Amino acid sequence: MSNDFIGGVELGINAKGVRLKHWFECLKHIGKKVEYWHTLTQQGAPPEPPPQ
């Protein structure tokens, strides 16, 4: 299905490593495009729907 979860990226103060660096670069350059490539992870996957 085209809406299946394939992975995610968490940016923000709770991120680690390069993701945290990306977050701080965004804060440092507000209004400008800050591009990084990130590997998708299963962390932050949406919860499974309850059985019907």
N, C-alpha and C. Protein backbone atom coordinates (compact mmCIF):
# COMPACT_ATOMS: atom_id res chain seq x y z
N MET A 1 0.84 -1.17 0.00
CA MET A 1 0.00 0.00 0.00
C MET A 1 0.89 1.24 0.00
N SER A 2 0.48 2.27 -0.67
CA SER A 2 1.33 3.45 -0.84
C SER A 2 1.50 4.28 0.44
N ASN A 3 0.67 4.08 1.44
CA ASN A 3 0.80 4.85 2.69
C ASN A 3 1.50 4.07 3.79
N ASP A 4 2.14 2.95 3.46
CA ASP A 4 2.85 2.16 4.47
C ASP A 4 4.03 2.95 5.02
N PHE A 5 4.26 2.82 6.32
CA PHE A 5 5.39 3.48 6.98
C PHE A 5 6.68 2.79 6.54
N ILE A 6 7.62 3.55 6.00
CA ILE A 6 8.89 2.98 5.56
C ILE A 6 10.06 3.41 6.43
N GLY A 7 9.82 4.32 7.35
CA GLY A 7 10.87 4.79 8.25
C GLY A 7 10.69 6.27 8.54
N GLY A 8 11.44 6.75 9.49
CA GLY A 8 11.33 8.15 9.88
C GLY A 8 12.66 8.70 10.36
N VAL A 9 12.67 10.00 10.58
CA VAL A 9 13.84 10.71 11.09
C VAL A 9 13.35 11.65 12.18
N GLU A 10 14.01 11.62 13.32
CA GLU A 10 13.65 12.53 14.40
C GLU A 10 14.68 13.65 14.47
N LEU A 11 14.21 14.88 14.32
CA LEU A 11 15.05 16.06 14.50
C LEU A 11 14.53 16.81 15.72
N GLY A 12 15.41 17.48 16.42
CA GLY A 12 15.00 18.26 17.58
C GLY A 12 16.02 18.13 18.69
N ILE A 13 15.71 18.75 19.81
CA ILE A 13 16.65 18.80 20.93
C ILE A 13 16.94 17.41 21.49
N ASN A 14 16.05 16.45 21.28
CA ASN A 14 16.27 15.09 21.79
C ASN A 14 16.99 14.19 20.79
N ALA A 15 17.31 14.71 19.62
CA ALA A 15 18.02 13.92 18.60
C ALA A 15 19.48 13.74 19.02
N LYS A 16 20.15 12.84 18.35
CA LYS A 16 21.57 12.56 18.65
C LYS A 16 22.40 12.69 17.37
N GLY A 17 23.69 12.94 17.55
CA GLY A 17 24.64 12.93 16.44
C GLY A 17 24.32 13.92 15.33
N VAL A 18 24.34 13.43 14.10
CA VAL A 18 24.15 14.29 12.92
C VAL A 18 22.75 14.89 12.90
N ARG A 19 21.76 14.15 13.41
CA ARG A 19 20.40 14.70 13.44
C ARG A 19 20.32 15.92 14.36
N LEU A 20 21.03 15.88 15.48
CA LEU A 20 21.07 17.02 16.40
C LEU A 20 21.82 18.19 15.76
N LYS A 21 22.91 17.88 15.07
CA LYS A 21 23.67 18.93 14.37
C LYS A 21 22.78 19.61 13.33
N HIS A 22 22.01 18.82 12.58
CA HIS A 22 21.09 19.37 11.58
C HIS A 22 20.09 20.31 12.26
N TRP A 23 19.55 19.89 13.40
CA TRP A 23 18.59 20.72 14.14
C TRP A 23 19.21 22.07 14.51
N PHE A 24 20.43 22.04 15.07
CA PHE A 24 21.08 23.29 15.46
C PHE A 24 21.40 24.17 14.25
N GLU A 25 21.76 23.56 13.13
CA GLU A 25 22.00 24.33 11.90
C GLU A 25 20.72 25.03 11.45
N CYS A 26 19.58 24.34 11.58
CA CYS A 26 18.30 24.96 11.21
C CYS A 26 18.01 26.16 12.11
N LEU A 27 18.28 26.01 13.40
CA LEU A 27 18.05 27.12 14.33
C LEU A 27 19.00 28.29 14.07
N LYS A 28 20.21 27.96 13.67
CA LYS A 28 21.23 28.98 13.41
C LYS A 28 20.92 29.77 12.14
N HIS A 29 20.28 29.13 11.17
CA HIS A 29 20.02 29.75 9.86
C HIS A 29 18.52 29.80 9.57
N ILE A 30 17.77 30.42 10.45
CA ILE A 30 16.31 30.49 10.29
C ILE A 30 15.96 31.17 8.97
N GLY A 31 15.01 30.58 8.26
CA GLY A 31 14.57 31.12 6.98
C GLY A 31 15.39 30.66 5.80
N LYS A 32 16.46 29.91 6.05
CA LYS A 32 17.30 29.40 4.96
C LYS A 32 17.16 27.88 4.89
N LYS A 33 17.40 27.36 3.71
CA LYS A 33 17.33 25.92 3.50
C LYS A 33 18.59 25.26 4.06
N VAL A 34 18.41 24.27 4.92
CA VAL A 34 19.52 23.51 5.49
C VAL A 34 19.26 22.05 5.14
N GLU A 35 20.06 21.49 4.24
CA GLU A 35 19.83 20.13 3.77
C GLU A 35 20.86 19.15 4.30
N TYR A 36 20.39 18.06 4.81
CA TYR A 36 21.21 16.92 5.22
C TYR A 36 20.51 15.67 4.72
N TRP A 37 21.26 14.63 4.46
CA TRP A 37 20.69 13.32 4.15
C TRP A 37 20.72 12.50 5.43
N HIS A 38 19.62 11.82 5.72
CA HIS A 38 19.53 10.99 6.92
C HIS A 38 19.04 9.59 6.54
N THR A 39 19.47 8.61 7.30
CA THR A 39 18.98 7.25 7.13
C THR A 39 17.67 7.11 7.88
N LEU A 40 16.68 6.50 7.23
CA LEU A 40 15.40 6.27 7.89
C LEU A 40 15.54 5.16 8.92
N THR A 41 14.81 5.29 10.03
CA THR A 41 14.81 4.26 11.07
C THR A 41 13.37 3.89 11.39
N GLN A 42 13.19 2.80 12.11
CA GLN A 42 11.85 2.39 12.54
C GLN A 42 11.42 3.13 13.80
N GLN A 43 12.35 3.87 14.42
CA GLN A 43 12.01 4.65 15.61
C GLN A 43 10.96 5.69 15.22
N GLY A 44 9.95 5.82 16.04
CA GLY A 44 8.90 6.79 15.75
C GLY A 44 7.84 6.25 14.82
N ALA A 45 7.83 4.94 14.63
CA ALA A 45 6.81 4.34 13.77
C ALA A 45 5.44 4.60 14.37
N PRO A 46 4.45 4.83 13.52
CA PRO A 46 3.10 5.06 14.05
C PRO A 46 2.61 3.81 14.78
N PRO A 47 1.77 3.98 15.80
CA PRO A 47 1.28 2.82 16.53
C PRO A 47 0.41 1.93 15.65
N GLU A 48 0.44 0.64 15.95
CA GLU A 48 -0.41 -0.30 15.21
C GLU A 48 -1.87 0.00 15.55
N PRO A 49 -2.75 -0.05 14.55
CA PRO A 49 -4.18 0.16 14.85
C PRO A 49 -4.71 -1.00 15.69
N PRO A 50 -5.69 -0.74 16.54
CA PRO A 50 -6.24 -1.83 17.36
C PRO A 50 -6.96 -2.85 16.48
N PRO A 51 -6.96 -4.12 16.89
CA PRO A 51 -7.66 -5.14 16.09
C PRO A 51 -9.15 -4.85 16.04
N GLN A 52 -9.76 -5.20 14.95
CA GLN A 52 -11.20 -4.94 14.80
C GLN A 52 -12.00 -6.19 15.00
